Amino acid sequence: MTMMFADALEDGWRRVYLAGILLAIAAVRAGAQDVSGKNSAWARAVDAYLAGAEDSVPSVLRLSTEEVTIQSREALDAWMASARAAEVGVNAHDERRLAIRRVQAAALLPLEILSLLSTRMRLLPPMKAYETAAMEAWKQLGDDDLTDPLRSGAEERARQRRFRTWWQIAYLQFLMNNARYGDFKAHAQQVRLAEGDVAPRVEVFLLRGMVEESIARLPAAEAVRRDNEEIEPESRLRRMTRTLEDAAGWYRRVLANAPAHLEATLHLGRVLVDLKQPQEALRTLQPLLTSPYGTTHCALASLFAGEAHEMLRANDDAAMAYAHAASLSDVRQSALVALMQLAVRAGDVATGARLIGHFAERTPLAALDGPDAWSVYLRGRRQNVNAVLRPLREAMVP
């Protein structure tokens, strides 16, 4: 399969494109639509997606909510009937394979769209139909009738299980990015991870840690509502500490399976700073601090290390760490603010005043109108959608 939608747009999301998507979602086309399983706009978009055509996405987004619901169900019923009917004959295996690929693509295409949107915004009501369509297709993939009675081997069944598992993980990330933490936890309980299959295990552990970390930062009442747990009232500090410790536990499980995992290293280091464990935070972040300062992960690690040094009253080390963090533009805003606060707390008002000048009009920072990397981190949305979408695509029936 040629380059898919998420690969093409992974680094290219801009406001104009998002605005175009929102306009397309809101549009309701006039005239009757062909909703037959084989000829509807939804079915044609799925086939275009399988062929690697990027225009499959705009064609899906032009559908109204009602059209998505009707056409996706009609197409799904037709493909499932085709898969079940393909039992004998010379072309039976190929017909069944194509039907299964279509059902998989019907589960994947809307989830790709939703996943990309979730890195920037919460789910809009008109997009709920896409979530439902993806979920209904995924549920059909558990049907035993989809297994080829003549050619079903262990490898084929394992591939189909991998697709179902990676779809669940991608859906978990979508739920997390939309702050649907109660739904996330309920769905996470349904994920069955095969023994020895490290990659999906690592992704689930990371996402569970990120959810706990995000819940810890919510106001107390909001945290309980989002978590869908009935718990005894407790102080915000106690709740936050307990939840951050849970997050740290999940991140440690990631690193036990994948010691060089950058995201888990960064998140564990941040959580340890929040738990007021600066020395352990610095030890955890060390692999990122010794790397070349060319990535956002490393720059954020320096920002967090600066805060840890401040806790240890090592102000010179803190200033150096903040200066390193400021070397990357998407962390520079927060790093300069940290440097300014460090100078003021140390009584160096003149240096603090000079640093304020970086945010004055006509400076490069003043022209930045988007959130920096630390602000994005605090929102609890994982930007790396291909970490879960790429293995999901690779697990499709060839």
Protein backbone atom coordinates (compact mmCIF):
# COMPACT_ATOMS: atom_id res chain seq x y z
CA MET A 1 0.00 0.00 0.00
CA THR A 2 1.29 3.47 -0.85
CA MET A 3 1.75 6.25 1.66
CA MET A 4 -1.37 6.59 3.82
CA PHE A 5 -3.19 9.69 4.99
CA ALA A 6 -1.45 10.05 8.35
CA ASP A 7 2.02 9.75 6.79
CA ALA A 8 1.23 12.44 4.26
CA LEU A 9 -0.12 14.88 6.84
CA GLU A 10 1.86 13.90 9.94
CA ASP A 11 3.98 17.04 9.79
CA GLY A 12 1.63 19.20 7.74
CA TRP A 13 -1.36 20.03 9.92
CA ARG A 14 -2.05 23.72 9.59
CA ARG A 15 -4.96 25.96 10.46
CA VAL A 16 -6.09 26.24 6.85
CA TYR A 17 -6.37 22.48 6.49
CA LEU A 18 -8.22 22.16 9.79
CA ALA A 19 -10.60 24.91 8.76
CA GLY A 20 -11.24 23.05 5.52
CA ILE A 21 -12.03 19.88 7.42
CA LEU A 22 -14.45 21.68 9.72
CA LEU A 23 -16.24 23.22 6.75
CA ALA A 24 -16.47 19.84 5.09
CA ILE A 25 -17.86 18.25 8.25
CA ALA A 26 -20.55 20.94 8.48
CA ALA A 27 -21.57 20.62 4.83
CA VAL A 28 -24.70 18.65 3.98
CA ARG A 29 -24.86 17.88 0.31
CA ALA A 30 -28.17 18.19 -1.53
CA GLY A 31 -29.68 15.36 -3.54
CA ALA A 32 -30.12 11.64 -3.04
CA GLN A 33 -27.09 9.48 -2.31
CA ASP A 34 -26.42 5.96 -3.54
CA VAL A 35 -26.20 3.94 -0.33
CA SER A 36 -25.74 0.49 -1.79
CA GLY A 37 -22.93 -1.44 -0.18
CA LYS A 38 -20.81 -1.50 -3.32
CA ASN A 39 -21.41 1.92 -4.88
CA SER A 40 -21.83 4.42 -2.06
CA ALA A 41 -19.38 7.28 -1.50
CA TRP A 42 -18.27 5.57 1.72
CA ALA A 43 -17.52 2.29 -0.06
CA ARG A 44 -15.65 4.10 -2.85
CA ALA A 45 -13.62 6.02 -0.28
CA VAL A 46 -12.64 2.79 1.48
CA ASP A 47 -11.48 1.28 -1.80
CA ALA A 48 -9.55 4.46 -2.62
CA TYR A 49 -7.94 4.30 0.81
CA LEU A 50 -6.86 0.71 0.20
CA ALA A 51 -5.34 1.84 -3.09
CA GLY A 52 -3.40 4.56 -1.29
CA ALA A 53 -5.36 7.47 -2.77
CA GLU A 54 -5.29 10.45 -0.43
CA ASP A 55 -8.49 11.89 -1.94
CA SER A 56 -10.37 9.18 -0.03
CA VAL A 57 -10.27 11.42 3.04
CA PRO A 58 -11.92 14.57 1.62
CA SER A 59 -14.60 12.42 0.01
CA VAL A 60 -15.46 10.90 3.39
CA LEU A 61 -15.45 14.26 5.13
CA ARG A 62 -17.93 15.68 2.63
CA LEU A 63 -20.57 13.22 3.89
CA SER A 64 -23.14 14.38 6.39
CA THR A 65 -23.53 12.60 9.74
CA GLU A 66 -26.61 10.77 8.49
CA GLU A 67 -24.84 9.70 5.30
CA VAL A 68 -21.86 8.38 7.23
CA THR A 69 -24.15 6.32 9.45
CA ILE A 70 -26.27 4.88 6.65
CA GLN A 71 -23.56 4.31 4.07
CA SER A 72 -21.02 2.80 6.47
CA ARG A 73 -23.58 0.26 7.75
CA GLU A 74 -24.81 -0.62 4.27
CA ALA A 75 -21.25 -1.15 3.03
CA LEU A 76 -20.27 -3.13 6.10
CA ASP A 77 -23.26 -5.46 5.72
CA ALA A 78 -22.42 -6.01 2.05
CA TRP A 79 -18.74 -6.79 2.76
CA MET A 80 -19.57 -9.17 5.60
CA ALA A 81 -22.08 -10.98 3.41
CA SER A 82 -19.44 -11.26 0.70
CA ALA A 83 -16.88 -12.67 3.16
CA ARG A 84 -19.30 -15.28 4.45
CA ALA A 85 -20.48 -16.28 0.99
CA ALA A 86 -16.97 -16.85 -0.38
CA GLU A 87 -16.67 -20.49 0.66
CA VAL A 88 -16.07 -22.35 -2.58
CA GLY A 89 -14.84 -21.68 -6.07
CA VAL A 90 -11.59 -20.69 -7.72
CA ASN A 91 -11.73 -17.06 -6.53
CA ALA A 92 -13.23 -17.70 -3.09
CA HIS A 93 -10.05 -16.96 -1.16
CA ASP A 94 -9.38 -13.68 -3.02
CA GLU A 95 -12.97 -12.56 -2.58
CA ARG A 96 -12.83 -13.27 1.13
CA ARG A 97 -9.47 -11.52 1.47
CA LEU A 98 -10.76 -8.39 -0.29
CA ALA A 99 -13.89 -8.33 1.88
CA ILE A 100 -11.79 -8.56 5.05
CA ARG A 101 -9.44 -5.82 3.82
CA ARG A 102 -12.45 -3.58 3.19
CA VAL A 103 -13.82 -4.16 6.68
CA GLN A 104 -10.37 -3.47 8.16
CA ALA A 105 -10.05 -0.27 6.11
CA ALA A 106 -13.54 0.77 7.24
CA ALA A 107 -12.32 0.43 10.83
CA LEU A 108 -9.05 2.21 10.13
CA LEU A 109 -9.89 5.14 7.82
CA PRO A 110 -12.24 7.01 10.21
CA LEU A 111 -9.92 6.25 13.13
CA GLU A 112 -7.01 7.85 11.26
CA ILE A 113 -9.07 10.99 10.72
CA LEU A 114 -10.19 11.09 14.35
CA SER A 115 -6.67 10.41 15.64
CA LEU A 116 -5.17 13.28 13.69
CA LEU A 117 -7.90 15.68 14.77
CA SER A 118 -7.47 14.58 18.40
CA THR A 119 -3.92 15.95 18.51
CA ARG A 120 -5.34 19.47 18.11
CA MET A 121 -8.92 19.52 19.36
CA ARG A 122 -11.65 17.63 21.17
CA LEU A 123 -14.12 15.52 19.21
CA LEU A 124 -16.86 17.62 17.61
CA PRO A 125 -20.43 16.23 17.76
CA PRO A 126 -20.66 15.71 13.96
CA MET A 127 -17.59 13.45 14.13
CA LYS A 128 -19.26 10.96 16.49
CA ALA A 129 -20.63 9.13 13.46
CA TYR A 130 -17.06 8.38 12.33
CA GLU A 131 -16.22 6.90 15.71
CA THR A 132 -19.33 4.72 15.59
CA ALA A 133 -18.55 3.57 12.04
CA ALA A 134 -15.00 2.60 13.01
CA MET A 135 -16.17 0.75 16.11
CA GLU A 136 -18.86 -1.20 14.23
CA ALA A 137 -16.35 -2.33 11.61
CA TRP A 138 -13.84 -3.34 14.29
CA LYS A 139 -16.46 -5.44 16.10
CA GLN A 140 -17.21 -7.35 12.90
CA LEU A 141 -13.54 -8.35 12.65
CA GLY A 142 -14.00 -10.65 15.62
CA ASP A 143 -16.51 -12.73 13.67
CA ASP A 144 -15.31 -16.32 13.18
CA ASP A 145 -16.98 -16.30 9.75
CA LEU A 146 -14.12 -14.13 8.50
CA THR A 147 -11.62 -16.97 8.92
CA ASP A 148 -10.94 -18.79 5.67
CA PRO A 149 -12.16 -22.37 6.25
CA LEU A 150 -9.69 -23.78 3.73
CA ARG A 151 -6.59 -21.67 4.27
CA SER A 152 -6.82 -20.44 7.86
CA GLY A 153 -3.52 -21.07 9.56
CA ALA A 154 -1.94 -19.84 12.75
CA GLU A 155 -0.23 -16.98 10.92
CA GLU A 156 -3.47 -15.67 9.41
CA ARG A 157 -5.29 -15.83 12.74
CA ALA A 158 -2.38 -14.12 14.50
CA ARG A 159 -2.38 -11.31 11.94
CA GLN A 160 -6.10 -10.74 12.41
CA ARG A 161 -5.63 -10.67 16.20
CA ARG A 162 -2.78 -8.18 15.81
CA PHE A 163 -5.00 -5.89 13.77
CA ARG A 164 -7.76 -6.03 16.37
CA THR A 165 -5.30 -5.36 19.19
CA TRP A 166 -3.57 -2.44 17.48
CA TRP A 167 -6.97 -0.95 16.58
CA GLN A 168 -7.88 -1.03 20.27
CA ILE A 169 -4.61 0.68 21.17
CA ALA A 170 -5.12 3.39 18.54
CA TYR A 171 -8.65 3.87 19.87
CA LEU A 172 -7.25 4.18 23.41
CA GLN A 173 -4.98 6.99 22.25
CA PHE A 174 -7.93 8.74 20.63
CA LEU A 175 -9.94 8.47 23.87
CA MET A 176 -7.02 9.80 25.90
CA ASN A 177 -6.48 12.74 23.56
CA ASN A 178 -10.16 13.60 23.99
CA ALA A 179 -9.87 13.40 27.81
CA ARG A 180 -12.47 10.61 27.94
CA TYR A 181 -10.66 8.95 30.81
CA GLY A 182 -13.55 6.85 32.07
CA ASP A 183 -14.11 5.42 28.58
CA PHE A 184 -10.36 4.89 28.27
CA LYS A 185 -10.17 2.82 31.44
CA ALA A 186 -13.21 0.73 30.53
CA HIS A 187 -11.81 0.01 27.06
CA ALA A 188 -8.29 -0.66 28.37
CA GLN A 189 -9.68 -3.53 30.45
CA GLN A 190 -10.80 -5.22 27.23
CA VAL A 191 -7.39 -5.21 25.53
CA ARG A 192 -5.81 -8.67 25.52
CA LEU A 193 -2.04 -8.53 25.11
CA ALA A 194 -0.28 -11.65 23.83
CA GLU A 195 2.63 -12.92 25.89
CA GLY A 196 5.97 -11.96 24.42
CA ASP A 197 4.51 -9.29 22.12
CA VAL A 198 6.39 -6.30 23.50
CA ALA A 199 5.38 -3.47 21.17
CA PRO A 200 1.63 -3.35 21.92
CA ARG A 201 2.32 -3.91 25.61
CA VAL A 202 4.62 -0.89 25.71
CA GLU A 203 2.07 1.35 23.98
CA VAL A 204 -0.74 0.38 26.36
CA PHE A 205 1.46 0.95 29.41
CA LEU A 206 2.55 4.35 28.10
CA LEU A 207 -1.02 5.48 27.41
CA ARG A 208 -2.20 4.30 30.82
CA GLY A 209 0.58 6.29 32.44
CA MET A 210 -0.31 9.39 30.44
CA VAL A 211 -3.96 9.11 31.48
CA GLU A 212 -3.04 8.89 35.17
CA GLU A 213 -0.65 11.83 34.78
CA SER A 214 -3.36 13.92 33.11
CA ILE A 215 -5.95 13.03 35.76
CA ALA A 216 -3.49 14.07 38.47
CA ARG A 217 -3.39 17.61 37.05
CA LEU A 218 -7.16 18.06 36.91
CA PRO A 219 -9.05 19.93 39.64
CA ALA A 220 -10.24 17.46 42.29
CA ALA A 221 -13.95 17.39 41.36
CA GLU A 222 -13.19 17.23 37.65
CA ALA A 223 -10.70 14.41 38.19
CA VAL A 224 -13.25 12.23 39.94
CA ARG A 225 -15.86 12.90 37.25
CA ARG A 226 -13.46 12.16 34.41
CA ASP A 227 -12.06 9.07 36.13
CA ASN A 228 -15.53 7.56 36.64
CA GLU A 229 -14.43 6.18 39.99
CA GLU A 230 -16.42 6.33 43.22
CA ILE A 231 -13.79 7.20 45.80
CA GLU A 232 -13.80 8.67 49.26
CA PRO A 233 -13.20 12.42 49.42
CA GLU A 234 -9.55 13.20 49.86
CA SER A 235 -7.30 16.21 49.72
CA ARG A 236 -6.22 17.38 46.30
CA LEU A 237 -2.56 16.87 47.23
CA ARG A 238 -3.15 13.29 48.38
CA ARG A 239 -5.17 12.48 45.27
CA MET A 240 -2.57 14.06 43.01
CA THR A 241 0.27 12.20 44.72
CA ARG A 242 -1.54 8.88 44.53
CA THR A 243 -2.36 9.32 40.84
CA LEU A 244 1.15 10.49 39.93
CA GLU A 245 2.58 7.42 41.66
CA ASP A 246 0.25 5.27 39.54
CA ALA A 247 1.51 7.06 36.43
CA ALA A 248 5.12 6.49 37.47
CA GLY A 249 4.36 2.79 37.90
CA TRP A 250 3.07 2.51 34.34
CA TYR A 251 6.08 4.39 32.93
CA ARG A 252 8.44 2.08 34.80
CA ARG A 253 6.65 -0.88 33.23
CA VAL A 254 7.26 0.65 29.81
CA LEU A 255 10.97 1.06 30.55
CA ALA A 256 11.20 -2.49 31.93
CA ASN A 257 10.10 -3.70 28.48
CA ALA A 258 11.78 -0.99 26.38
CA PRO A 259 14.63 0.68 28.35
CA ALA A 260 15.39 3.26 25.65
CA HIS A 261 11.79 4.48 25.24
CA LEU A 262 12.11 8.28 24.91
CA GLU A 263 8.52 9.24 25.73
CA ALA A 264 8.35 7.05 28.83
CA THR A 265 11.73 8.39 30.02
CA LEU A 266 10.58 11.97 29.59
CA HIS A 267 7.20 11.42 31.27
CA LEU A 268 8.67 9.49 34.18
CA GLY A 269 11.21 12.25 34.75
CA ARG A 270 8.43 14.88 34.77
CA VAL A 271 6.29 12.85 37.18
CA LEU A 272 9.24 12.44 39.54
CA VAL A 273 9.72 16.22 39.53
CA ASP A 274 6.05 16.63 40.42
CA LEU A 275 6.47 14.07 43.21
CA LYS A 276 9.33 16.18 44.63
CA GLN A 277 11.96 13.53 43.92
CA PRO A 278 14.54 15.69 42.10
CA GLN A 279 17.55 13.41 42.37
CA GLU A 280 15.69 10.42 40.95
CA ALA A 281 14.22 12.68 38.27
CA LEU A 282 17.70 13.76 37.20
CA ARG A 283 18.91 10.16 37.07
CA THR A 284 15.88 9.20 34.97
CA LEU A 285 16.30 12.11 32.55
CA GLN A 286 20.06 11.64 32.16
CA PRO A 287 19.85 9.64 28.88
CA LEU A 288 17.98 12.55 27.31
CA LEU A 289 20.22 15.19 28.84
CA THR A 290 23.34 13.65 27.30
CA SER A 291 21.83 13.50 23.81
CA PRO A 292 22.35 16.23 21.20
CA TYR A 293 19.91 19.07 21.80
CA GLY A 294 18.09 18.77 18.53
CA THR A 295 14.78 17.23 19.59
CA THR A 296 11.81 18.44 21.59
CA HIS A 297 12.17 15.47 23.95
CA CYS A 298 15.70 16.51 24.90
CA ALA A 299 14.79 20.17 25.28
CA LEU A 300 11.83 19.33 27.52
CA ALA A 301 14.08 17.03 29.54
CA SER A 302 16.40 20.00 30.13
CA LEU A 303 13.45 22.14 31.17
CA PHE A 304 12.39 19.50 33.70
CA ALA A 305 15.99 19.03 34.86
CA GLY A 306 16.23 22.75 35.55
CA GLU A 307 13.27 22.52 37.88
CA ALA A 308 14.83 19.51 39.62
CA HIS A 309 18.08 21.44 40.12
CA GLU A 310 16.10 24.33 41.60
CA MET A 311 14.59 21.94 44.15
CA LEU A 312 18.13 20.95 45.11
CA ARG A 313 19.07 24.67 45.35
CA ALA A 314 21.63 24.23 42.58
CA ASN A 315 20.74 27.47 40.82
CA ASP A 316 23.74 27.54 38.48
CA ASP A 317 22.93 24.06 37.23
CA ALA A 318 19.29 25.07 36.88
CA ALA A 319 20.20 28.14 34.81
CA MET A 320 22.40 26.02 32.55
CA ALA A 321 19.62 23.47 32.03
CA TYR A 322 17.09 26.19 31.20
CA ALA A 323 19.56 27.74 28.76
CA HIS A 324 19.94 24.39 27.01
CA ALA A 325 16.15 24.05 26.82
CA ALA A 326 15.92 27.52 25.29
CA SER A 327 18.09 26.38 22.38
CA LEU A 328 15.06 24.79 20.71
CA SER A 329 12.40 27.19 19.48
CA ASP A 330 9.33 25.19 20.54
CA VAL A 331 10.54 25.06 24.18
CA ARG A 332 12.18 28.50 24.22
CA GLN A 333 9.18 30.39 25.62
CA SER A 334 8.84 28.24 28.74
CA ALA A 335 12.61 28.02 29.22
CA LEU A 336 13.03 31.80 29.16
CA VAL A 337 10.16 32.24 31.60
CA ALA A 338 11.85 29.73 33.92
CA LEU A 339 15.15 31.62 33.61
CA MET A 340 13.39 34.89 34.35
CA GLN A 341 11.71 33.46 37.46
CA LEU A 342 14.99 31.94 38.62
CA ALA A 343 16.74 35.32 38.32
CA VAL A 344 13.98 37.18 40.16
CA ARG A 345 13.89 34.63 42.99
CA ALA A 346 17.65 35.02 43.31
CA GLY A 347 17.25 38.80 43.60
CA ASP A 348 18.69 39.52 40.15
CA VAL A 349 15.91 41.80 38.96
CA ALA A 350 18.01 43.33 36.19
CA THR A 351 18.54 39.97 34.48
CA GLY A 352 14.85 39.17 34.85
CA ALA A 353 13.95 42.46 33.21
CA ARG A 354 16.31 41.81 30.29
CA LEU A 355 14.75 38.40 29.71
CA ILE A 356 11.30 39.97 29.51
CA GLY A 357 12.57 41.79 26.42
CA HIS A 358 12.52 38.52 24.48
CA PHE A 359 8.72 38.68 24.56
CA ALA A 360 8.52 42.31 23.46
CA GLU A 361 6.97 43.31 20.17
CA ARG A 362 9.06 42.68 17.02
CA THR A 363 11.04 39.85 18.62
CA PRO A 364 10.89 36.32 17.18
CA LEU A 365 9.09 34.99 20.26
CA ALA A 366 6.40 37.64 20.05
CA ALA A 367 5.49 36.34 16.60
CA LEU A 368 4.83 32.83 17.91
CA ASP A 369 1.08 32.56 18.33
CA GLY A 370 0.84 28.85 19.09
CA PRO A 371 1.47 26.96 22.34
CA ASP A 372 5.01 25.81 23.00
CA ALA A 373 5.97 22.18 23.70
CA TRP A 374 5.48 22.43 27.46
CA SER A 375 1.96 23.79 27.00
CA VAL A 376 1.20 20.95 24.57
CA TYR A 377 2.60 18.45 27.10
CA LEU A 378 0.29 19.78 29.82
CA ARG A 379 -2.75 19.23 27.61
CA GLY A 380 -2.17 15.48 27.85
CA ARG A 381 -2.53 14.83 24.12
CA ARG A 382 -0.05 12.55 22.46
CA GLN A 383 1.06 14.01 19.15
CA ASN A 384 2.70 10.85 17.80
CA VAL A 385 -0.25 9.15 16.09
CA ASN A 386 1.90 6.99 13.85
CA ALA A 387 3.26 5.12 16.87
CA VAL A 388 -0.10 3.35 16.96
CA LEU A 389 -1.38 3.79 13.40
CA ARG A 390 1.66 2.46 11.56
CA PRO A 391 1.63 -1.03 13.19
CA LEU A 392 -2.14 -1.07 12.73
CA ARG A 393 -1.75 -0.55 8.96
CA GLU A 394 1.03 -3.13 8.84
CA ALA A 395 -1.28 -5.71 10.46
CA MET A 396 -3.88 -5.46 7.69
CA VAL A 397 -4.52 -8.51 5.56
CA PRO A 398 -2.13 -8.18 2.57
